[in-house]
Protein backbone atom coordinates (compact mmCIF):
# COMPACT_ATOMS: atom_id res chain seq x y z
CA MET A 1 1.43 -28.33 -23.23
CA SER A 2 0.14 -29.54 -19.86
CA ARG A 3 -2.53 -27.67 -17.94
CA GLY A 4 -0.16 -27.26 -14.96
CA LEU A 5 2.52 -25.71 -17.14
CA THR A 6 -0.04 -23.40 -18.71
CA ALA A 7 -1.09 -22.20 -15.27
CA THR A 8 2.45 -21.54 -14.09
CA LEU A 9 3.43 -19.75 -17.29
CA ALA A 10 0.39 -17.54 -16.86
CA LEU A 11 1.97 -16.00 -13.75
CA SER A 12 4.32 -14.00 -15.99
CA TRP A 13 5.61 -10.76 -14.46
CA ARG A 14 3.27 -11.27 -11.51
CA ALA A 15 5.40 -14.23 -10.45
CA PHE A 16 7.86 -11.66 -9.11
CA PHE A 17 5.41 -9.65 -7.07
CA VAL A 18 2.58 -12.18 -6.64
CA LEU A 19 -0.03 -9.80 -7.99
CA THR A 20 -2.99 -12.02 -7.21
CA LEU A 21 -5.87 -9.67 -7.85
CA ALA A 22 -9.49 -9.57 -6.75
CA GLY A 23 -11.73 -10.45 -9.69
CA SER A 24 -14.79 -8.36 -8.80
CA GLY A 25 -16.49 -5.34 -10.27
CA LEU A 26 -15.26 -5.39 -13.87
CA THR A 27 -17.35 -3.24 -16.20
CA ALA A 28 -16.94 -2.18 -19.80
CA ALA A 29 -15.83 1.45 -19.92
CA ALA A 30 -18.35 4.29 -20.01
CA ALA A 31 -17.06 7.83 -19.62
CA PRO A 32 -17.72 9.13 -16.08
CA ALA A 33 -18.92 12.68 -15.59
CA GLY A 34 -16.17 15.28 -15.66
CA ARG A 35 -13.54 13.17 -17.41
CA THR A 36 -11.91 15.03 -20.30
CA VAL A 37 -9.04 12.67 -21.13
CA ARG A 38 -9.83 9.29 -22.66
CA PRO A 39 -7.95 7.59 -25.51
CA SER A 40 -10.22 5.84 -27.97
CA PRO A 41 -9.87 2.07 -28.28
CA THR A 42 -8.18 0.60 -31.33
CA TYR A 43 -10.05 -2.55 -32.25
CA VAL A 44 -7.66 -5.13 -33.69
CA GLN A 45 -10.12 -7.49 -35.33
CA ILE A 46 -13.17 -7.35 -37.58
CA GLY A 47 -16.25 -6.51 -35.54
CA LYS A 48 -16.34 -5.19 -31.98
CA PRO A 49 -14.96 -7.79 -29.54
CA ASP A 50 -17.27 -9.30 -26.93
CA GLN A 51 -16.81 -7.13 -23.83
CA ALA A 52 -18.34 -9.77 -21.54
CA GLU A 53 -15.74 -12.24 -22.79
CA GLY A 54 -13.06 -9.63 -22.13
CA ALA A 55 -14.27 -9.32 -18.53
CA ARG A 56 -14.07 -13.09 -18.15
CA ILE A 57 -10.48 -13.14 -19.46
CA LEU A 58 -9.44 -10.41 -17.03
CA ARG A 59 -11.10 -12.16 -14.11
CA SER A 60 -9.22 -15.35 -14.95
CA PHE A 61 -5.93 -13.44 -15.20
CA ARG A 62 -6.53 -11.71 -11.87
CA GLY A 63 -7.25 -14.97 -10.10
CA MET A 64 -3.77 -16.45 -10.63
CA GLY A 65 -0.94 -16.44 -8.11
CA VAL A 66 2.10 -18.27 -6.80
CA ALA A 67 1.63 -20.97 -4.17
CA GLY A 68 3.65 -20.27 -1.02
CA ASP A 69 6.25 -17.64 -0.22
CA PHE A 70 9.34 -17.10 -2.36
CA TYR A 71 12.60 -15.17 -2.61
CA LEU A 72 14.53 -13.67 -5.56
CA ASP A 73 17.99 -12.23 -6.19
CA PHE A 74 17.83 -9.73 -9.04
CA LYS A 75 19.75 -6.99 -10.80
CA LEU A 76 18.54 -3.72 -12.23
CA GLN A 77 20.61 -3.21 -15.37
CA VAL A 78 20.42 0.49 -16.18
CA ARG A 79 20.89 0.98 -19.93
CA PRO A 80 20.65 4.62 -20.97
CA ARG A 81 20.57 5.50 -24.65
CA ARG A 82 23.65 7.59 -24.00
CA GLY A 83 26.14 7.16 -21.20
CA ALA A 84 27.58 4.30 -19.19
CA GLU A 85 25.56 1.27 -18.13
CA ARG A 86 25.44 0.18 -14.49
CA GLU A 87 23.97 -2.56 -12.30
CA ILE A 88 22.10 -2.28 -9.03
CA PRO A 89 21.66 -5.49 -6.99
CA GLY A 90 18.42 -6.26 -5.22
CA ARG A 91 16.52 -8.85 -3.21
CA LEU A 92 12.82 -9.62 -3.11
CA TRP A 93 10.64 -11.61 -0.73
CA GLY A 94 7.08 -12.39 -1.90
CA GLY A 95 4.00 -13.87 -0.29
CA ARG A 96 0.37 -13.29 0.62
CA ASN A 97 -1.54 -12.09 3.67
CA GLU A 98 -5.22 -11.59 4.46
CA LEU A 99 -5.31 -8.47 2.25
CA GLY A 100 -3.74 -10.04 -0.82
CA ALA A 101 -0.30 -10.27 -2.36
CA VAL A 102 2.61 -8.59 -0.59
CA SER A 103 6.29 -8.12 -1.44
CA ARG A 104 9.37 -6.76 0.32
CA ILE A 105 12.25 -5.37 -1.76
CA SER A 106 15.79 -4.38 -0.84
CA LEU A 107 18.04 -2.32 -3.17
CA THR A 108 21.64 -1.27 -2.67
CA ASP A 109 22.96 1.61 -4.77
CA GLU A 110 26.54 2.39 -5.82
CA THR A 111 27.28 4.18 -2.54
CA GLY A 112 26.32 1.10 -0.54
CA ALA A 113 23.16 2.73 0.78
CA GLU A 114 20.25 0.33 1.20
CA ARG A 115 16.61 1.21 0.64
CA ARG A 116 13.71 -1.10 1.38
CA LEU A 117 10.15 -1.19 0.08
CA LEU A 118 7.01 -2.96 1.22
CA LEU A 119 4.21 -3.29 -1.34
CA GLN A 120 0.71 -4.41 -0.41
CA ASN A 121 -1.54 -5.38 -3.30
CA GLY A 122 -5.22 -6.16 -3.23
CA ALA A 123 -8.43 -4.18 -3.01
CA ALA A 124 -6.69 -1.47 -0.95
CA PRO A 125 -3.06 -1.29 -2.22
CA ALA A 126 -0.44 0.52 -0.14
CA ALA A 127 3.33 1.00 -0.12
CA TRP A 128 6.03 1.94 2.38
CA ARG A 129 9.73 2.81 2.12
CA TRP A 130 12.65 2.77 4.55
CA THR A 131 16.24 3.98 4.20
CA ALA A 132 19.17 3.62 6.56
CA GLY A 133 18.91 6.02 9.48
CA GLN A 134 15.12 6.11 9.60
CA ALA A 135 13.48 4.96 12.81
CA GLU A 136 10.44 3.61 11.00
CA ALA A 137 9.03 3.07 7.53
CA ALA A 138 7.25 5.93 5.75
CA THR A 139 4.04 5.60 3.75
CA ILE A 140 4.40 6.22 0.00
CA ALA A 141 1.68 8.58 -1.22
CA LEU A 142 -0.26 8.26 -4.46
CA GLY A 143 1.61 11.23 -5.91
CA ASP A 144 4.97 9.48 -5.46
CA LEU A 145 4.25 6.24 -7.33
CA PHE A 146 6.20 7.29 -10.43
CA ALA A 147 9.38 8.29 -8.61
CA PRO A 148 12.24 5.97 -9.71
CA LEU A 149 13.30 3.37 -7.16
CA VAL A 150 16.87 4.50 -7.72
CA PRO A 151 17.77 7.75 -9.53
CA GLU A 152 18.13 7.45 -13.31
CA THR A 153 16.39 4.07 -13.53
CA GLN A 154 13.18 3.38 -15.45
CA ILE A 155 11.50 1.36 -12.71
CA SER A 156 9.13 2.81 -10.12
CA ILE A 157 6.60 1.77 -7.47
CA PHE A 158 3.95 2.03 -10.19
CA ASP A 159 5.80 -0.57 -12.28
CA LEU A 160 6.03 -2.96 -9.33
CA GLN A 161 2.47 -2.58 -8.10
CA MET A 162 0.87 -2.37 -11.56
CA PRO A 163 -2.29 -0.75 -10.15
CA TYR A 164 -3.82 -0.56 -13.61
CA LEU A 165 -4.54 -4.28 -13.36
CA TYR A 166 -7.11 -3.32 -10.69
CA TRP A 167 -8.79 -0.55 -12.67
CA GLU A 168 -12.39 -1.45 -13.30
CA GLU A 169 -13.02 0.53 -16.49
CA PHE A 170 -11.70 -1.13 -19.63
CA VAL A 171 -12.26 -1.82 -23.30
CA PHE A 172 -11.43 -5.25 -24.71
CA GLU A 173 -9.80 -4.44 -28.04
CA GLY A 174 -9.54 -7.99 -29.35
CA VAL A 175 -6.66 -10.29 -30.29
CA SER A 176 -3.43 -8.73 -31.58
CA LYS A 177 0.06 -10.07 -32.37
CA ILE A 178 2.86 -9.28 -29.89
CA ARG A 179 6.30 -10.51 -30.92
CA GLY A 180 4.69 -13.07 -33.19
CA ARG A 181 2.23 -14.49 -30.65
CA PRO A 182 -1.51 -13.78 -30.32
CA ALA A 183 -2.49 -11.74 -27.28
CA HIS A 184 -5.74 -10.48 -25.77
CA THR A 185 -5.44 -6.70 -25.75
CA PHE A 186 -7.14 -4.39 -23.24
CA LEU A 187 -7.23 -0.64 -22.78
CA LEU A 188 -7.71 0.20 -19.09
CA TYR A 189 -8.66 3.66 -17.81
CA PRO A 190 -7.48 5.21 -14.53
CA PRO A 191 -10.04 6.04 -11.83
CA ALA A 192 -10.76 9.68 -10.99
CA ASP A 193 -8.31 9.97 -8.08
CA PHE A 194 -5.47 8.51 -10.13
CA LEU A 195 -6.26 10.71 -13.11
CA ALA A 196 -6.29 13.77 -10.84
CA ALA A 197 -2.82 12.87 -9.52
CA TYR A 198 -1.44 11.98 -12.98
CA PRO A 199 -3.35 13.91 -15.68
CA GLY A 200 -0.66 12.93 -18.20
CA LEU A 201 -1.61 9.24 -17.91
CA SER A 202 -4.79 8.63 -19.87
CA GLY A 203 -4.74 4.83 -19.96
CA VAL A 204 -2.70 1.63 -20.03
CA ARG A 205 -2.82 -0.94 -22.83
CA VAL A 206 -2.19 -4.50 -21.64
CA HIS A 207 -1.44 -7.60 -23.75
CA LEU A 208 -2.13 -11.10 -22.33
CA ASP A 209 -0.90 -14.19 -24.16
CA THR A 210 -3.97 -16.04 -25.43
CA GLN A 211 -2.57 -19.50 -24.70
CA PHE A 212 -1.02 -18.98 -21.28
CA GLY A 213 -2.88 -15.91 -20.01
CA ALA A 214 0.52 -14.35 -19.26
CA LEU A 215 1.15 -10.62 -19.29
CA VAL A 216 3.61 -10.12 -22.14
CA GLN A 217 3.54 -6.34 -22.54
CA SER A 218 1.97 -3.16 -21.18
CA GLU A 219 2.08 0.39 -22.52
CA LEU A 220 1.37 3.65 -20.68
CA LEU A 221 -0.47 6.24 -22.78
CA ASP A 222 -0.14 10.01 -22.47
CA GLU A 223 -2.90 12.62 -22.77
CA ARG A 224 -2.85 12.23 -26.58
CA GLY A 225 -2.96 8.44 -26.50
CA ARG A 226 0.72 7.98 -27.37
CA VAL A 227 2.90 5.36 -25.67
CA PHE A 228 5.43 7.00 -23.35
CA ARG A 229 6.52 4.01 -21.21
CA SER A 230 6.45 0.29 -21.83
CA LEU A 231 7.07 -2.99 -20.04
CA ALA A 232 7.97 -6.14 -21.97
CA VAL A 233 8.50 -9.68 -20.66
CA LEU A 234 11.57 -11.15 -22.38
CA ASP A 235 12.46 -14.56 -20.90
CA LEU A 236 11.10 -17.32 -18.68
CA LYS A 237 13.07 -19.80 -16.59
CA LYS A 238 11.91 -23.00 -14.92
CA VAL A 239 12.73 -23.42 -11.21
CA GLY A 240 11.69 -26.90 -10.11
CA GLU A 241 8.13 -27.23 -11.40
CA GLN A 242 7.52 -23.47 -11.41
CA TRP A 243 8.07 -21.20 -14.41
CA MET A 244 9.40 -17.78 -13.43
CA VAL A 245 9.96 -14.64 -15.44
CA LYS A 246 13.71 -14.17 -15.81
CA SER A 247 13.99 -10.77 -17.48
CA ILE A 248 11.82 -7.76 -18.20
CA ASP A 249 12.58 -4.48 -19.95
CA LEU A 250 11.10 -1.20 -18.74
CA ARG A 251 11.58 1.54 -21.30
CA ASP A 252 11.04 5.27 -21.57
CA GLU A 253 9.77 5.61 -25.13
CA ARG A 254 10.65 9.31 -25.26
CA SER A 255 14.28 9.18 -24.13
CA ARG A 256 14.79 5.53 -25.25
CA ASP A 257 16.46 4.80 -21.92
CA LYS A 258 15.63 1.43 -20.39
CA THR A 259 16.16 -0.64 -17.27
CA ARG A 260 16.25 -4.43 -17.36
CA PHE A 261 14.97 -6.38 -14.37
CA LEU A 262 17.03 -9.60 -14.38
CA VAL A 263 16.47 -12.43 -11.90
CA THR A 264 19.66 -14.32 -11.02
CA ALA A 265 18.50 -16.72 -8.28
CA ALA A 266 15.26 -17.91 -6.68
CA ALA A 267 13.99 -19.91 -3.71
CA LEU A 268 10.41 -21.21 -3.69
CA ASN A 269 8.01 -22.84 -1.22
CA LEU A 270 9.27 -20.81 1.74
CA ASP A 271 7.49 -19.98 4.99
CA LEU A 272 8.16 -16.30 5.62
CA ALA A 273 6.40 -15.72 8.91
CA GLY A 274 6.81 -12.96 11.47
CA THR A 275 7.43 -9.32 10.51
CA VAL A 276 8.83 -9.84 7.00
CA PHE A 277 5.74 -8.33 5.37
CA THR A 278 4.84 -5.61 7.89
CA ALA A 279 5.64 -1.90 7.78
CA ALA A 280 6.81 -2.08 11.39
CA GLY A 281 9.27 -4.83 10.42
CA LEU A 282 10.74 -3.03 7.42
CA PRO A 283 13.72 -1.58 9.42
CA GLU A 284 14.66 -5.12 10.47
CA THR A 285 17.30 -6.95 8.43
CA ILE A 286 16.04 -10.22 6.89
CA ALA A 287 18.54 -12.95 6.05
CA ARG A 288 18.81 -14.36 2.55
CA PRO A 289 17.53 -17.98 2.39
CA ALA A 290 20.24 -20.59 2.74
CA MET A 291 19.17 -22.54 -0.34
CA VAL A 292 18.58 -20.71 -3.60
CA THR A 293 18.61 -21.91 -7.19
CA LEU A 294 20.89 -19.96 -9.51
CA LEU A 295 19.32 -19.00 -12.82
CA GLY A 296 21.85 -19.33 -15.61
CA PRO A 297 21.65 -17.90 -19.13
């Protein structure tokens, strides 16, 4: 496997949202004063893993990103355990600015109503939303990150931003097997403000493929350390010389309902200048690129 291919595969789910993260300030977890909720790590190998090595692996993962701007057509395939399935079409523009990675998302529900999102990642993440009829975009507060993008789907702002990848407290649990492949496994703990807003979220377990550094699975843990939501990367697809994630499942482990994020077309190496990635520009309609590559089965 070539080094270039390894690097592009390592983008994994972040290839959608260009989650190029700052690699500073990682520390092995020590319980801060006043915290009462903390799941214990589950070490998956003999002997306690090297936490300094775990910090190095996370820094490497955080330093990856997609070169240039890009565009995606996608579908949200809503698959409840009971009831009819449905599809919601969407579009995504991705890039970077001086603050870090940024993405703009457009979704159209069954009524034809469009809603748009702007997600800023980096050291100071932020999010905005706009719906038809609004004069300007509205800021999305911390307490609204788990609201579904569209009612009855299993995907939220939290799933798109993946703020847990920025959390500084962690435990490196070692190397585990995920769908038959070895993966570096981490347990990351929410900071105090996040824990105050979501006391039912005690941590997130993340699995990174040992060969490619790709995020292959993440699991949200409740106040008793049980998995209540999960994200799993299913398929990759090569577009030109770039490997992209083609499908991801987001699942509610309690209800067993899930939503599949399925990419159907992509355009890479774009130059998305102007107001595409600004809150002020979110009410403006952005044209789909003229040339896109369809992603078949």
